């Protein structure tokens, strides 16, 4: 990939990630009146789920953003197919507010929890396919670099399946996402 095209793709992806990661904050429920001393717990309860979901979406997107930039710095792929898949990945990032808002309104419904986890599973699968394409085009082919992105795809796929049984257990499954950056750091022997 030419350095000019890589820089343009990097700028575009930063813009897309930035907008998609911050847009859900505008939908957080704001209190329309002053909360008295005895009512703070009720106000906190209303805002707790949306803030938690926004935080999770922000964290997951941040992990994908970091992975995306690491991949862009290594890529030599200049095929139209690679660019098409990259744009598909970025298009899914643009859609981040949709599952985030839906899940923040009702995360206890199994199909909504599955939709939220499934969204991240699809993003992770495309991210993994981009990593595989990048590594296969490199002369040294350091396959260990696909471990972290692969963990993301696996965790979100498992979380999607678990969502149909228990939406709460699905949210607990997301904790395993932290293994991806740890595996990346170990595979590349670099500090977090």
Protein backbone atom coordinates (compact mmCIF):
# COMPACT_ATOMS: atom_id res chain seq x y z
CA UNK A 1 0.00 0.00 0.00
CA UNK A 2 1.47 3.37 -0.87
CA UNK A 3 2.41 5.56 2.09
CA UNK A 4 0.03 8.27 0.86
CA UNK A 5 -2.89 5.83 0.70
CA UNK A 6 -1.97 4.38 4.09
CA UNK A 7 -1.93 7.87 5.65
CA UNK A 8 -5.29 8.72 4.06
CA UNK A 9 -6.80 5.46 5.32
CA UNK A 10 -5.38 6.15 8.78
CA UNK A 11 -6.92 9.65 8.89
CA UNK A 12 -10.26 8.34 7.66
CA UNK A 13 -10.30 5.54 10.21
CA UNK A 14 -9.38 7.91 13.06
CA UNK A 15 -12.30 10.14 12.10
CA UNK A 16 -14.72 7.22 11.86
CA UNK A 17 -13.62 5.70 15.15
CA UNK A 18 -13.72 9.08 16.90
CA UNK A 19 -17.25 9.90 15.81
CA UNK A 20 -18.62 6.39 16.34
CA UNK A 21 -17.05 6.03 19.77
CA UNK A 22 -18.37 9.34 21.10
CA UNK A 23 -21.80 9.57 19.46
CA UNK A 24 -23.60 7.27 21.97
CA UNK A 25 -22.77 9.67 24.80
CA UNK A 26 -25.36 12.08 23.41
CA UNK A 27 -28.12 9.60 24.08
CA UNK A 28 -27.40 9.16 27.77
CA UNK A 29 -30.49 9.99 29.81
CA UNK A 30 -30.17 13.39 31.43
CA UNK A 31 -32.14 14.34 34.48
CA UNK A 32 -34.76 16.93 33.71
CA UNK A 33 -34.92 18.26 37.28
CA UNK A 34 -32.80 18.66 40.38
CA UNK A 35 -32.36 15.44 42.32
CA UNK A 36 -32.99 15.65 46.05
CA UNK A 37 -30.88 13.99 48.70
CA UNK A 38 -33.07 10.92 48.99
CA UNK A 39 -33.50 10.46 45.23
CA UNK A 40 -29.88 10.10 44.11
CA UNK A 41 -30.04 6.29 44.03
CA UNK A 42 -33.04 6.35 41.68
CA UNK A 43 -31.25 8.80 39.38
CA UNK A 44 -28.09 6.68 39.44
CA UNK A 45 -30.10 3.56 38.64
CA UNK A 46 -31.57 5.20 35.52
CA UNK A 47 -28.11 6.18 34.25
CA UNK A 48 -26.13 3.10 35.33
CA UNK A 49 -26.90 0.75 32.43
CA UNK A 50 -26.43 3.34 29.63
CA UNK A 51 -23.11 4.48 31.15
CA UNK A 52 -21.94 0.86 31.53
CA UNK A 53 -22.87 0.03 27.94
CA UNK A 54 -21.24 3.20 26.64
CA UNK A 55 -18.09 2.35 28.61
CA UNK A 56 -18.01 -1.19 27.22
CA UNK A 57 -18.55 0.00 23.65
CA UNK A 58 -15.83 2.62 24.08
CA UNK A 59 -13.39 0.02 25.48
CA UNK A 60 -14.13 -2.55 22.77
CA UNK A 61 -13.85 0.06 20.03
CA UNK A 62 -10.59 1.30 21.49
CA UNK A 63 -9.17 -2.22 21.31
CA UNK A 64 -10.29 -2.48 17.68
CA UNK A 65 -8.85 0.97 16.91
CA UNK A 66 -5.48 -0.03 18.34
CA UNK A 67 -5.52 -3.32 16.43
CA UNK A 68 -6.50 -1.51 13.23
CA UNK A 69 -3.59 0.92 13.52
CA UNK A 70 -1.11 -1.84 14.28
CA UNK A 71 -2.33 -3.66 11.19
CA UNK A 72 -2.13 -0.54 9.00
CA UNK A 73 1.47 0.01 10.08
CA UNK A 74 2.37 -3.50 8.91
CA UNK A 75 0.30 -3.81 5.78
CA UNK A 76 1.69 -4.16 2.31
CA UNK A 77 -1.60 -5.26 0.83
CA UNK A 78 -2.61 -2.98 -2.02
CA UNK A 79 -5.36 -5.00 -3.59
CA UNK A 80 -8.86 -3.69 -4.14
CA UNK A 81 -10.20 -6.63 -2.16
CA UNK A 82 -8.13 -5.62 0.88
CA UNK A 83 -9.40 -2.05 0.61
CA UNK A 84 -12.99 -3.27 0.21
CA UNK A 85 -12.73 -5.40 3.36
CA UNK A 86 -11.10 -2.48 5.21
CA UNK A 87 -13.97 -0.22 4.20
CA UNK A 88 -16.44 -2.91 5.32
CA UNK A 89 -14.68 -2.95 8.69
CA UNK A 90 -14.88 0.85 8.92
CA UNK A 91 -18.56 0.81 7.87
CA UNK A 92 -19.33 -1.53 10.75
CA UNK A 93 -17.51 0.86 13.08
CA UNK A 94 -19.79 3.65 11.84
CA UNK A 95 -22.76 1.53 12.93
CA UNK A 96 -21.46 1.27 16.54
CA UNK A 97 -24.07 3.67 17.99
CA UNK A 98 -26.95 1.44 16.83
CA UNK A 99 -26.22 -1.68 18.92
CA UNK A 100 -24.89 0.49 21.76
CA UNK A 101 -28.12 2.50 22.03
CA UNK A 102 -30.33 -0.54 21.59
CA UNK A 103 -28.50 -2.49 24.27
CA UNK A 104 -28.41 0.47 26.67
CA UNK A 105 -32.22 0.71 26.52
CA UNK A 106 -32.91 -3.00 27.09
CA UNK A 107 -29.96 -5.32 27.62
CA UNK A 108 -32.01 -7.97 29.39
CA UNK A 109 -33.79 -9.17 26.27
CA UNK A 110 -31.85 -12.12 24.81
CA UNK A 111 -32.08 -11.09 21.15
CA UNK A 112 -30.90 -7.54 21.94
CA UNK A 113 -27.97 -8.88 23.97
CA UNK A 114 -27.18 -11.27 21.10
CA UNK A 115 -27.40 -8.41 18.60
CA UNK A 116 -24.94 -6.33 20.66
CA UNK A 117 -22.44 -9.16 21.11
CA UNK A 118 -23.03 -10.35 17.54
CA UNK A 119 -22.20 -6.90 16.21
CA UNK A 120 -18.81 -7.02 17.92
CA UNK A 121 -18.33 -10.63 16.77
CA UNK A 122 -18.76 -9.56 13.12
CA UNK A 123 -16.39 -6.60 13.61
CA UNK A 124 -13.87 -8.94 15.24
CA UNK A 125 -14.20 -11.52 12.45
CA UNK A 126 -13.53 -8.90 9.77
CA UNK A 127 -10.64 -7.53 11.84
CA UNK A 128 -9.19 -11.04 12.05
CA UNK A 129 -9.59 -11.58 8.29
CA UNK A 130 -7.73 -8.31 7.66
CA UNK A 131 -4.96 -9.45 9.97
CA UNK A 132 -4.74 -12.78 8.13
CA UNK A 133 -4.54 -10.96 4.78
CA UNK A 134 -1.86 -8.63 6.12
CA UNK A 135 0.26 -11.42 7.58
CA UNK A 136 -0.06 -13.62 4.49
CA UNK A 137 1.27 -10.78 2.32
CA UNK A 138 4.36 -10.28 4.49
CA UNK A 139 7.60 -12.07 3.59
CA UNK A 140 8.28 -13.27 7.17
CA UNK A 141 4.65 -14.10 8.03
CA UNK A 142 4.59 -13.62 11.82
CA UNK A 143 1.38 -15.61 12.45
CA UNK A 144 1.58 -14.97 16.21
CA UNK A 145 0.17 -11.49 15.51
CA UNK A 146 -3.27 -12.94 14.72
CA UNK A 147 -3.66 -14.36 18.25
CA UNK A 148 -5.03 -11.19 19.88
CA UNK A 149 -7.53 -10.41 17.10
CA UNK A 150 -8.52 -14.08 17.10
CA UNK A 151 -9.26 -13.94 20.82
CA UNK A 152 -11.57 -10.97 20.21
CA UNK A 153 -13.48 -12.90 17.55
CA UNK A 154 -13.75 -15.96 19.78
CA UNK A 155 -14.87 -14.06 22.89
CA UNK A 156 -17.58 -12.12 21.08
CA UNK A 157 -18.80 -15.23 19.24
CA UNK A 158 -19.11 -17.09 22.54
CA UNK A 159 -20.80 -14.07 24.13
CA UNK A 160 -23.31 -13.98 21.27
CA UNK A 161 -24.25 -17.62 21.81
CA UNK A 162 -24.44 -17.17 25.59
CA UNK A 163 -26.73 -14.13 25.11
CA UNK A 164 -29.59 -16.35 23.98
CA UNK A 165 -29.39 -18.25 27.26
CA UNK A 166 -28.46 -15.46 29.67
CA UNK A 167 -27.85 -11.82 28.72
CA UNK A 168 -26.10 -11.23 32.06
CA UNK A 169 -23.71 -14.14 31.50
CA UNK A 170 -22.96 -12.68 28.09
CA UNK A 171 -21.87 -9.41 29.68
CA UNK A 172 -19.65 -11.35 32.06
CA UNK A 173 -18.13 -13.19 29.08
CA UNK A 174 -16.99 -9.83 27.70
CA UNK A 175 -14.44 -9.64 30.53
CA UNK A 176 -12.35 -12.13 28.55
CA UNK A 177 -11.82 -9.38 25.94
CA UNK A 178 -8.98 -8.12 28.12
CA UNK A 179 -7.08 -11.28 27.16
CA UNK A 180 -6.63 -9.97 23.60
CA UNK A 181 -4.27 -7.08 24.46
CA UNK A 182 -2.45 -9.32 26.94
CA UNK A 183 -1.99 -12.02 24.29
CA UNK A 184 -0.84 -9.39 21.79
CA UNK A 185 1.74 -8.04 24.21
CA UNK A 186 2.99 -11.56 24.98
CA UNK A 187 3.08 -12.65 21.32
CA UNK A 188 4.94 -9.54 20.23
CA UNK A 189 6.93 -9.29 23.46
CA UNK A 190 6.08 -5.63 23.81
CA UNK A 191 4.78 -3.68 26.80
CA UNK A 192 1.05 -3.00 26.95
